[in-house]
Protein backbone atom coordinates (compact mmCIF):
# COMPACT_ATOMS: atom_id res chain seq x y z
CA MET A 1 -33.76 -5.75 -5.75
CA LYS A 2 -35.23 -5.79 -2.26
CA LYS A 3 -33.65 -3.41 0.23
CA LYS A 4 -31.28 -5.39 2.49
CA TRP A 5 -31.61 -3.94 5.93
CA GLY A 6 -29.53 -6.63 7.68
CA ALA A 7 -29.75 -7.39 11.37
CA MET A 8 -30.11 -4.08 13.16
CA VAL A 9 -29.55 -4.68 16.89
CA ILE A 10 -30.31 -2.04 19.53
CA THR A 11 -27.35 -1.53 21.81
CA TRP A 12 -28.28 -0.99 25.42
CA VAL A 13 -24.89 -0.32 27.06
CA LEU A 14 -26.19 1.83 29.89
CA VAL A 15 -29.32 -0.22 30.43
CA VAL A 16 -27.45 -3.54 30.44
CA SER A 17 -24.90 -2.22 32.90
CA MET A 18 -27.74 -1.41 35.27
CA PHE A 19 -29.96 -4.46 34.82
CA GLY A 20 -27.80 -7.23 33.33
CA PHE A 21 -28.21 -9.12 30.08
CA ASN A 22 -31.14 -11.17 31.33
CA ASN A 23 -33.24 -8.06 31.67
CA VAL A 24 -32.78 -6.56 28.18
CA ALA A 25 -36.39 -7.37 27.29
CA GLN A 26 -37.52 -5.60 30.43
CA ALA A 27 -35.36 -2.60 29.50
CA GLU A 28 -36.87 -2.48 26.02
CA GLU A 29 -40.31 -2.46 27.58
CA MET A 30 -39.28 0.42 29.84
CA VAL A 31 -38.03 2.40 26.84
CA ALA A 32 -41.34 1.82 25.05
CA GLU A 33 -43.20 3.03 28.13
CA THR A 34 -41.02 6.15 28.29
CA LEU A 35 -41.70 6.81 24.61
CA SER A 36 -45.41 6.34 25.20
CA ASP A 37 -45.40 8.83 28.04
CA SER A 38 -43.39 11.37 26.03
CA ILE A 39 -45.51 11.27 22.89
CA THR A 40 -48.78 11.16 24.75
CA ARG A 41 -47.74 14.22 26.77
CA ILE A 42 -46.93 16.16 23.56
CA ILE A 43 -50.27 15.20 22.02
CA GLU A 44 -52.30 16.10 25.10
CA GLU A 45 -50.50 19.41 25.61
CA LYS A 46 -50.11 20.67 22.04
CA LEU A 47 -52.79 18.95 19.94
CA VAL A 48 -55.80 19.70 22.11
CA GLY A 49 -59.01 19.39 20.11
CA ALA A 50 -57.34 17.66 17.16
CA ASP A 51 -58.02 14.18 15.84
CA VAL A 52 -54.72 12.33 16.16
CA SER A 53 -53.60 8.86 15.10
CA VAL A 54 -50.00 7.77 15.76
CA THR A 55 -48.24 4.43 15.45
CA VAL A 56 -44.60 3.36 15.66
CA ARG A 57 -43.36 -0.07 14.53
CA ASP A 58 -40.06 -1.88 14.52
CA GLN A 59 -38.96 -1.76 10.89
CA ILE A 60 -37.57 -5.29 10.85
CA SER A 61 -40.25 -7.22 12.75
CA GLY A 62 -43.23 -4.92 12.21
CA GLU A 63 -43.96 -5.17 15.93
CA MET A 64 -46.04 -2.28 17.28
CA ILE A 65 -44.03 -0.16 19.74
CA TYR A 66 -46.39 2.76 20.23
CA ASP A 67 -50.07 3.26 19.45
CA TYR A 68 -52.12 6.37 20.11
CA HIS A 69 -55.56 5.95 18.59
CA GLY A 70 -53.81 3.92 15.92
CA GLN A 71 -57.07 2.58 14.52
CA ALA A 72 -58.73 6.02 14.27
CA THR A 73 -59.21 7.11 10.67
CA VAL A 74 -57.94 10.54 9.66
CA LYS A 75 -57.60 12.46 6.38
CA PRO A 76 -54.23 11.30 5.03
CA ALA A 77 -53.67 14.27 2.67
CA SER A 78 -50.63 13.43 0.53
CA ASN A 79 -49.80 10.37 2.63
CA MET A 80 -52.29 8.79 0.23
CA LYS A 81 -49.48 8.89 -2.33
CA LEU A 82 -47.66 6.18 -0.34
CA LEU A 83 -50.28 3.66 -1.46
CA THR A 84 -50.71 5.10 -4.97
CA THR A 85 -46.96 4.95 -5.61
CA ALA A 86 -46.63 1.40 -4.34
CA ALA A 87 -49.46 0.28 -6.62
CA ALA A 88 -47.98 2.14 -9.61
CA LEU A 89 -44.58 0.49 -9.15
CA ASP A 90 -46.23 -2.91 -8.91
CA VAL A 91 -48.71 -2.48 -11.77
CA LEU A 92 -46.75 -0.33 -14.23
CA GLY A 93 -43.20 -1.22 -13.24
CA GLU A 94 -40.11 0.90 -12.65
CA ASP A 95 -39.33 1.04 -16.39
CA TYR A 96 -42.76 2.29 -17.51
CA ARG A 97 -42.66 5.25 -19.90
CA PHE A 98 -45.41 7.52 -21.21
CA ASN A 99 -45.67 7.95 -24.98
CA THR A 100 -46.85 10.90 -27.09
CA ALA A 101 -47.08 10.33 -30.82
CA LEU A 102 -47.35 12.56 -33.90
CA TYR A 103 -49.40 11.26 -36.84
CA THR A 104 -50.57 12.58 -40.20
CA SER A 105 -53.40 11.50 -42.47
CA GLY A 106 -54.12 12.27 -46.11
CA LYS A 107 -51.62 13.02 -48.85
CA MET A 108 -48.91 15.57 -49.43
CA SER A 109 -48.42 17.56 -52.60
CA ASN A 110 -45.92 20.36 -53.20
CA GLY A 111 -45.30 20.84 -49.47
CA VAL A 112 -49.01 20.88 -48.61
CA LEU A 113 -50.47 18.15 -46.43
CA LYS A 114 -54.04 17.65 -47.56
CA GLY A 115 -55.10 15.95 -44.38
CA ASP A 116 -54.91 16.17 -40.63
CA VAL A 117 -52.17 16.25 -38.02
CA TYR A 118 -52.75 14.29 -34.80
CA LEU A 119 -51.08 14.54 -31.41
CA LYS A 120 -51.91 11.32 -29.57
CA GLY A 121 -51.32 11.47 -25.83
CA GLN A 122 -51.06 8.87 -23.08
CA GLY A 123 -50.93 11.24 -20.14
CA ASP A 124 -47.22 12.11 -20.24
CA PRO A 125 -46.72 14.70 -17.48
CA THR A 126 -43.25 15.52 -18.84
CA LEU A 127 -44.38 16.68 -22.31
CA SER A 128 -42.96 20.16 -22.82
CA PHE A 129 -43.12 23.14 -25.14
CA GLU A 130 -39.72 22.04 -26.46
CA ASP A 131 -41.19 18.63 -27.34
CA LEU A 132 -43.88 20.38 -29.37
CA GLN A 133 -41.14 22.30 -31.17
CA GLN A 134 -39.41 19.01 -31.96
CA PHE A 135 -42.67 17.64 -33.38
CA ALA A 136 -42.90 20.71 -35.63
CA GLU A 137 -39.36 20.07 -36.84
CA GLU A 138 -40.32 16.48 -37.65
CA LEU A 139 -43.18 17.74 -39.81
CA LYS A 140 -40.81 20.17 -41.49
CA ALA A 141 -38.42 17.29 -42.16
CA GLN A 142 -41.27 15.53 -43.97
CA GLY A 143 -41.40 18.49 -46.35
CA ILE A 144 -44.64 19.88 -44.92
CA ASN A 145 -44.97 23.64 -45.21
CA LYS A 146 -48.74 23.86 -44.92
CA ILE A 147 -51.47 21.78 -43.28
CA ASP A 148 -54.67 21.90 -45.31
CA GLY A 149 -56.71 20.13 -42.67
CA ARG A 150 -57.26 19.86 -38.96
CA ILE A 151 -54.91 19.94 -36.00
CA VAL A 152 -56.28 17.23 -33.74
CA GLY A 153 -55.62 16.16 -30.18
CA ASP A 154 -56.24 12.49 -29.42
CA ASP A 155 -56.78 12.33 -25.66
CA LYS A 156 -58.95 9.19 -25.72
CA TRP A 157 -56.45 7.27 -23.57
CA PHE A 158 -58.16 8.86 -20.55
CA ASP A 159 -61.80 9.70 -19.90
CA ASP A 160 -63.19 13.23 -20.01
CA ASP A 161 -63.29 13.83 -16.25
CA LEU A 162 -60.60 16.46 -15.84
CA LEU A 163 -60.78 16.78 -12.05
CA THR A 164 -60.84 14.16 -9.32
CA PRO A 165 -63.76 14.16 -6.85
CA GLY A 166 -63.50 16.51 -3.91
CA ILE A 167 -61.62 19.39 -5.58
CA TRP A 168 -62.86 22.63 -4.04
CA VAL A 169 -63.96 25.39 -6.42
CA GLY A 170 -61.52 27.81 -4.79
CA ASP A 171 -58.59 25.48 -5.53
CA GLU A 172 -59.22 24.97 -9.26
CA SER A 173 -56.97 27.86 -10.33
CA TYR A 174 -53.89 26.48 -8.58
CA TYR A 175 -51.31 23.90 -9.65
CA TYR A 176 -52.11 21.42 -6.88
CA ALA A 177 -55.61 21.00 -8.37
CA ALA A 178 -54.67 20.93 -12.06
CA PRO A 179 -56.99 19.25 -14.57
CA ILE A 180 -55.86 15.95 -16.08
CA SER A 181 -56.14 14.87 -19.70
CA ALA A 182 -54.19 12.36 -21.77
CA LEU A 183 -52.64 15.21 -23.78
CA THR A 184 -51.09 17.72 -21.41
CA THR A 185 -47.91 19.76 -21.05
CA SER A 186 -45.77 20.98 -18.17
CA PRO A 187 -44.07 24.37 -17.90
CA ASN A 188 -41.07 23.13 -15.93
CA THR A 189 -39.02 20.12 -14.82
CA ASP A 190 -41.12 19.77 -11.66
CA TYR A 191 -43.69 18.53 -14.18
CA ASP A 192 -46.62 20.61 -12.96
CA SER A 193 -48.77 19.37 -15.81
CA GLY A 194 -51.85 21.31 -16.87
CA THR A 195 -50.42 24.65 -15.72
CA ILE A 196 -48.56 27.71 -16.93
CA ILE A 197 -46.39 30.06 -14.88
CA VAL A 198 -47.49 33.70 -14.77
CA GLU A 199 -45.10 36.30 -13.37
CA ALA A 200 -45.95 39.96 -12.75
CA THR A 201 -43.18 42.53 -12.24
CA GLY A 202 -43.54 46.13 -11.07
CA THR A 203 -42.70 48.66 -13.81
CA THR A 204 -43.38 52.38 -13.36
CA VAL A 205 -45.46 53.68 -10.46
CA GLY A 206 -49.04 54.08 -11.62
CA ASN A 207 -48.65 51.78 -14.60
CA LEU A 208 -49.60 48.16 -15.19
CA PRO A 209 -47.03 45.57 -14.09
CA SER A 210 -45.28 43.68 -16.89
CA ILE A 211 -46.41 40.09 -17.40
CA LYS A 212 -44.34 37.06 -18.37
CA VAL A 213 -45.93 33.70 -19.21
CA THR A 214 -44.01 30.40 -19.26
CA PRO A 215 -43.97 28.54 -21.56
CA HIS A 216 -46.81 30.01 -23.66
CA ILE A 217 -50.21 31.63 -23.21
CA GLY A 218 -51.92 29.07 -25.49
CA ASP A 219 -55.70 29.47 -25.38
CA LEU A 220 -55.69 31.50 -22.16
CA GLN A 221 -56.28 35.24 -21.88
CA ILE A 222 -54.55 37.64 -19.51
CA VAL A 223 -56.64 40.43 -17.95
CA ASN A 224 -54.19 42.78 -16.24
CA GLU A 225 -55.98 44.97 -13.71
CA ALA A 226 -53.04 45.38 -11.35
CA GLN A 227 -51.13 48.57 -10.59
CA THR A 228 -47.50 49.28 -9.85
CA VAL A 229 -47.09 51.18 -6.58
CA GLU A 230 -44.19 52.69 -4.69
CA ALA A 231 -41.53 50.52 -3.06
CA GLY A 232 -42.30 49.59 0.51
CA LYS A 233 -46.05 49.41 0.01
CA THR A 234 -47.93 46.15 0.61
CA ASN A 235 -47.92 43.59 -2.19
CA THR A 236 -51.60 42.66 -2.69
CA VAL A 237 -51.37 41.18 -6.18
CA THR A 238 -53.37 38.05 -6.95
CA ILE A 239 -53.09 35.96 -10.12
CA GLU A 240 -56.06 33.67 -10.62
CA ARG A 241 -57.92 31.93 -13.42
CA MET A 242 -61.60 32.72 -13.20
CA TYR A 243 -63.77 29.68 -12.49
CA GLN A 244 -64.53 27.62 -15.61
CA THR A 245 -63.09 30.26 -17.97
CA ASN A 246 -59.89 30.84 -19.93
CA GLN A 247 -59.37 34.24 -18.29
CA ILE A 248 -56.49 34.82 -15.90
CA VAL A 249 -57.10 38.00 -13.93
CA ILE A 250 -54.20 39.86 -12.33
CA SER A 251 -55.32 42.42 -9.76
CA GLY A 252 -54.05 44.35 -6.75
CA ASN A 253 -51.04 46.51 -6.00
CA LEU A 254 -47.48 45.44 -6.84
CA PRO A 255 -44.55 47.46 -5.42
CA ILE A 256 -42.09 48.59 -8.06
CA ASP A 257 -39.29 46.43 -6.62
CA LYS A 258 -41.37 43.24 -6.30
CA THR A 259 -42.54 40.35 -8.45
CA LYS A 260 -45.40 37.90 -8.03
CA LYS A 261 -45.27 34.43 -9.56
CA GLU A 262 -48.13 31.95 -9.70
CA TRP A 263 -48.61 28.50 -11.22
CA VAL A 264 -52.04 28.77 -12.83
CA THR A 265 -54.08 25.88 -14.20
CA VAL A 266 -55.36 25.80 -17.76
CA LYS A 267 -59.05 25.18 -18.40
CA HIS A 268 -58.52 22.13 -20.63
CA PRO A 269 -55.02 20.64 -21.05
CA THR A 270 -55.75 19.15 -24.49
CA THR A 271 -56.97 22.32 -26.17
CA HIS A 272 -54.25 24.34 -24.45
CA THR A 273 -51.59 21.95 -25.78
CA LEU A 274 -53.04 22.17 -29.29
CA THR A 275 -53.13 25.97 -29.34
CA MET A 276 -49.52 26.02 -28.16
CA PHE A 277 -48.71 23.59 -30.97
CA GLN A 278 -50.30 25.99 -33.46
CA ALA A 279 -47.97 28.73 -32.24
CA VAL A 280 -45.02 26.37 -32.56
CA LEU A 281 -46.03 25.46 -36.13
CA THR A 282 -46.17 29.14 -37.06
CA GLU A 283 -42.75 29.67 -35.51
CA ALA A 284 -41.42 26.78 -37.59
CA GLY A 285 -42.85 28.32 -40.78
CA ILE A 286 -45.68 25.81 -41.19
CA GLU A 287 -49.05 27.29 -42.15
CA TYR A 288 -52.38 25.72 -41.25
CA SER A 289 -55.80 26.35 -42.77
CA LYS A 290 -58.07 25.83 -39.75
CA GLU A 291 -57.80 28.04 -36.69
CA LYS A 292 -60.09 25.84 -34.64
CA VAL A 293 -58.49 22.84 -32.92
CA PHE A 294 -60.21 19.49 -32.62
CA ARG A 295 -60.34 16.48 -30.28
CA ALA A 296 -60.79 13.09 -31.91
CA ALA A 297 -59.35 9.59 -32.08
CA THR A 298 -56.42 8.95 -34.40
CA PRO A 299 -57.56 6.82 -37.37
CA LYS A 300 -55.83 3.49 -37.86
CA SER A 301 -54.80 4.59 -41.34
CA ALA A 302 -52.80 7.56 -40.01
CA GLN A 303 -49.05 7.53 -40.51
CA LEU A 304 -46.69 7.73 -37.53
CA VAL A 305 -44.25 10.62 -37.93
CA ALA A 306 -42.55 10.77 -34.52
CA MET A 307 -42.78 9.45 -30.98
CA LYS A 308 -41.68 11.04 -27.72
CA GLN A 309 -41.10 8.86 -24.67
CA SER A 310 -40.93 10.14 -21.13
CA MET A 311 -38.33 9.23 -18.54
CA THR A 312 -38.95 6.00 -16.66
CA LEU A 313 -41.36 5.80 -13.74
CA GLU A 314 -38.38 5.22 -11.47
CA GLN A 315 -36.91 8.57 -12.54
CA LEU A 316 -40.28 10.35 -12.45
CA LEU A 317 -40.84 9.30 -8.84
CA ILE A 318 -38.17 11.76 -7.72
CA PRO A 319 -39.96 15.03 -8.62
CA TYR A 320 -43.34 13.38 -8.02
CA MET A 321 -42.76 12.15 -4.47
CA LYS A 322 -40.10 14.60 -3.32
CA LEU A 323 -42.30 17.58 -4.27
CA SER A 324 -45.66 15.83 -3.71
CA ASN A 325 -46.97 16.45 -7.23
CA ASN A 326 -50.74 15.87 -7.27
CA GLY A 327 -51.03 15.94 -11.05
CA ILE A 328 -48.60 13.06 -11.49
CA ALA A 329 -50.49 11.05 -8.86
CA ASP A 330 -53.78 11.60 -10.70
CA ILE A 331 -52.16 10.64 -14.01
CA LEU A 332 -50.74 7.44 -12.51
CA VAL A 333 -54.18 6.47 -11.20
CA LYS A 334 -55.80 6.83 -14.62
CA THR A 335 -52.86 5.08 -16.27
CA MET A 336 -53.23 2.07 -13.96
CA GLY A 337 -56.92 1.97 -14.83
CA LYS A 338 -56.13 2.02 -18.54
CA MET A 339 -53.42 -0.64 -18.34
CA LYS A 340 -55.29 -3.07 -16.10
CA LYS A 341 -58.97 -2.37 -16.84
CA ASN A 342 -58.73 -0.77 -20.30
CA GLU A 343 -60.43 2.27 -18.77
CA GLY A 344 -58.41 5.42 -18.21
CA SER A 345 -60.53 6.74 -15.37
CA THR A 346 -60.01 7.59 -11.73
CA THR A 347 -62.64 5.02 -10.76
CA ALA A 348 -60.88 2.20 -12.63
CA GLY A 349 -57.48 3.26 -11.31
CA LEU A 350 -58.68 3.27 -7.72
CA GLU A 351 -60.01 -0.26 -8.21
CA VAL A 352 -56.50 -1.29 -9.29
CA ILE A 353 -55.02 0.34 -6.19
CA ARG A 354 -57.43 -1.60 -4.00
CA GLU A 355 -56.51 -4.81 -5.76
CA TYR A 356 -52.84 -4.13 -5.09
CA GLY A 357 -53.56 -3.49 -1.41
CA ASN A 358 -55.44 -6.78 -1.20
CA SER A 359 -52.52 -8.57 -2.89
CA ILE A 360 -50.20 -7.69 0.01
CA ASN A 361 -52.90 -8.49 2.57
CA LEU A 362 -53.76 -4.98 3.64
CA ASN A 363 -57.27 -4.63 5.04
CA MET A 364 -58.59 -2.37 2.30
CA ALA A 365 -61.89 -1.95 4.12
CA GLU A 366 -59.93 0.37 6.39
CA TRP A 367 -58.85 2.59 3.47
CA GLN A 368 -61.44 5.11 2.27
CA PHE A 369 -60.34 7.20 -0.70
CA GLU A 370 -61.69 8.86 -3.84
CA ASP A 371 -58.40 9.96 -5.39
CA GLY A 372 -54.77 8.90 -5.45
CA SER A 373 -53.17 12.23 -4.58
CA GLY A 374 -54.80 12.87 -1.22
CA MET A 375 -56.51 16.13 -2.24
CA SER A 376 -59.99 14.95 -1.26
CA HIS A 377 -61.24 15.73 2.23
CA GLU A 378 -63.33 12.54 2.02
CA ASN A 379 -60.25 10.30 2.18
CA ARG A 380 -59.73 8.45 5.47
CA VAL A 381 -57.13 6.01 6.79
CA SER A 382 -55.57 5.14 10.16
CA SER A 383 -51.92 5.42 11.12
CA PHE A 384 -52.04 1.67 11.82
CA SER A 385 -52.92 1.01 8.17
CA VAL A 386 -50.31 3.43 6.80
CA SER A 387 -47.52 1.94 8.93
CA GLU A 388 -48.67 -1.55 7.94
CA LEU A 389 -48.31 -0.56 4.27
CA LEU A 390 -44.83 0.82 4.91
CA TYR A 391 -43.83 -2.43 6.62
CA LYS A 392 -45.19 -4.71 3.91
CA VAL A 393 -43.75 -2.89 0.87
CA GLN A 394 -40.26 -3.67 2.16
CA GLY A 395 -40.68 -7.14 0.67
CA GLU A 396 -41.21 -5.80 -2.87
CA ASP A 397 -38.47 -5.99 -5.51
CA TRP A 398 -38.90 -2.28 -6.22
CA PHE A 399 -38.63 -1.16 -2.59
CA ASN A 400 -35.27 0.59 -3.12
CA THR A 401 -36.89 2.85 -5.73
CA TYR A 402 -39.85 3.50 -3.44
CA PHE A 403 -37.67 4.29 -0.43
CA ASN A 404 -35.36 6.60 -2.38
CA SER A 405 -38.30 8.63 -3.64
CA LEU A 406 -39.22 9.74 -0.11
CA PRO A 407 -38.17 13.21 1.09
CA VAL A 408 -35.11 13.21 3.38
CA ALA A 409 -35.18 15.34 6.50
CA ALA A 410 -33.09 18.54 6.41
CA ASN A 411 -31.37 17.74 3.11
CA THR A 412 -31.24 21.10 1.33
CA ASP A 413 -31.03 19.57 -2.16
CA ARG A 414 -34.55 20.11 -3.44
CA MET A 415 -34.66 16.78 -5.26
CA VAL A 416 -33.44 14.92 -2.18
CA GLY A 417 -34.95 16.74 0.78
CA GLY A 418 -38.09 17.70 -1.11
CA THR A 419 -40.89 18.76 1.21
CA LEU A 420 -38.75 17.86 4.25
CA ARG A 421 -35.73 19.96 3.27
CA ASN A 422 -36.52 22.64 5.86
CA ARG A 423 -37.83 20.33 8.58
CA LEU A 424 -36.41 18.03 11.27
CA LYS A 425 -33.03 19.78 11.29
CA ASP A 426 -32.03 18.50 14.71
CA PRO A 427 -28.97 16.16 14.55
CA LEU A 428 -31.20 13.38 15.92
CA THR A 429 -33.33 13.48 12.76
CA ALA A 430 -31.41 15.33 10.01
CA GLY A 431 -30.70 12.86 7.21
CA LYS A 432 -32.21 10.04 9.26
CA VAL A 433 -35.90 10.43 8.42
CA TYR A 434 -37.28 9.33 5.03
CA ALA A 435 -40.95 10.21 5.00
CA LYS A 436 -43.92 11.49 3.05
CA THR A 437 -45.50 14.75 4.11
CA GLY A 438 -49.16 15.64 3.76
CA SER A 439 -51.06 18.90 4.09
CA LEU A 440 -54.62 20.12 3.62
CA THR A 441 -56.60 22.83 5.35
CA GLY A 442 -56.59 21.75 9.00
CA VAL A 443 -54.64 18.57 8.19
CA SER A 444 -50.96 17.66 8.57
CA THR A 445 -49.46 14.18 8.21
CA LEU A 446 -46.05 12.53 8.13
CA SER A 447 -45.29 8.84 7.65
CA GLY A 448 -42.12 6.96 6.82
CA TYR A 449 -38.92 5.45 8.14
CA LEU A 450 -36.37 6.68 10.66
CA LYS A 451 -33.10 5.59 12.19
CA ALA A 452 -33.15 6.24 15.93
CA SER A 453 -30.30 7.33 18.18
CA SER A 454 -29.69 3.67 19.12
CA GLY A 455 -29.09 2.76 15.48
CA GLY A 456 -32.35 0.84 15.27
CA SER A 457 -34.75 1.48 12.40
CA TYR A 458 -38.45 2.20 12.80
CA ILE A 459 -41.61 2.91 10.86
CA PHE A 460 -43.86 5.72 12.03
CA SER A 461 -47.11 7.36 10.97
CA VAL A 462 -48.46 10.58 12.49
CA LEU A 463 -51.83 11.82 11.20
CA VAL A 464 -53.46 15.00 12.55
CA GLN A 465 -56.66 16.75 11.48
CA ASN A 466 -59.02 19.50 12.65
CA LYS A 467 -56.15 21.73 13.78
CA SER A 468 -53.95 24.12 11.81
CA GLY A 469 -50.21 24.65 12.08
CA THR A 470 -49.38 21.24 13.51
CA SER A 471 -46.35 20.30 11.41
CA THR A 472 -43.93 21.54 14.07
CA VAL A 473 -45.67 19.40 16.70
CA ILE A 474 -45.45 16.40 14.39
CA ASP A 475 -41.73 17.05 14.02
CA GLU A 476 -41.43 17.19 17.79
CA ILE A 477 -43.10 13.78 18.02
CA VAL A 478 -40.74 12.32 15.41
CA LYS A 479 -37.73 13.77 17.23
CA GLU A 480 -38.98 12.17 20.42
CA ILE A 481 -39.21 8.80 18.68
CA ALA A 482 -35.65 9.17 17.38
CA GLU A 483 -34.36 10.18 20.80
CA GLU A 484 -36.18 7.64 22.97
CA LEU A 485 -35.59 4.61 20.76
């Protein structure tokens, strides 16, 4: 159901006592002017040399209250997810679920399957190692003790482009730039799909640190070149997958009392998932005759053994938006492309996003983007356009779900406060700002909704690029909005 905001009236007790009821409009104008002076002063004093675009709107009427280069286009970073998420809710629906299916082909005789086993994926970012174990148990329940055939991953739901345009080579090892395939797994309930967690712990001085991998090494290889050093020495350990290889190299010095944890991307999510599945089969006591794993379409004659469904999109939005999960954004883009264009590609998905924007009368000529997560430095949008989006989505039936997925300022619960849990802690803003953060090298953005000190509700968008360390200045601007309005 649509969010019912009701009639939110600004109370001007002090202003009215000074000017009378007939001059409330004049008082409102004076407040807007004061806000303009305050924000402009902050920008000109603390964001010198940066490209800045700021707009503030009344949440009920959409009327523009403040505009500083509002039409200037800036890299949105993860504020791009505001549009991607709106399109996904509209196109896929709040109840959408991802499916992963287990199939077999051939015949079984005396516990031996003379045929192939297929894992058919549809991009589920919540598929886990435990789900693979459940699939193995399902095969065991069928009486299968040996697979005399292939273990096959069907990832045809999506195309073969694992990375979105604009991913920098230096980022490819890290979770925020994880590759995307239709058959992928996540190591945790943040659903960082296409990654594993590698943790190094200091052991004995002079020896190699111990290494723990969650959930499983799969087809990756660990090269441990690090050294345990005395307590108090500098921790210089790095954990990185070498470019376009399956090798994860751990190097540097790790103090004996320290650990280093890194979320590392896999080279190819499909083959990694399949090699993990092989390990799970062995653990379950199921032999297989072919060590090599394969990628191919599931034949129509194959028999369905089991199906795993993800949580609903409504539920998935919480870890996705609260923690700004790029992998889920990229998966949603390809899924929209598959569902609407029968093409599970980023290109098709972005076309669907543009169509959604047009459907609510956004000027999509003002939105330049080549991904749905905001990772690309080629993306551009103005604060005017972002705040317009935030105003218009309030009329959608799914707006409650959208609104509740936004991080909440200063709420320490990780799945409530998300990326804002340690920001905007002032009483003026704590718990009163629901907004999406964004961050790239030299870029910081924040856009969303706030309840001001007057009780009125507003939409704001602050986009800053070409300057580092600006999140605190953005927070100062948001606090000023809350205080002045």
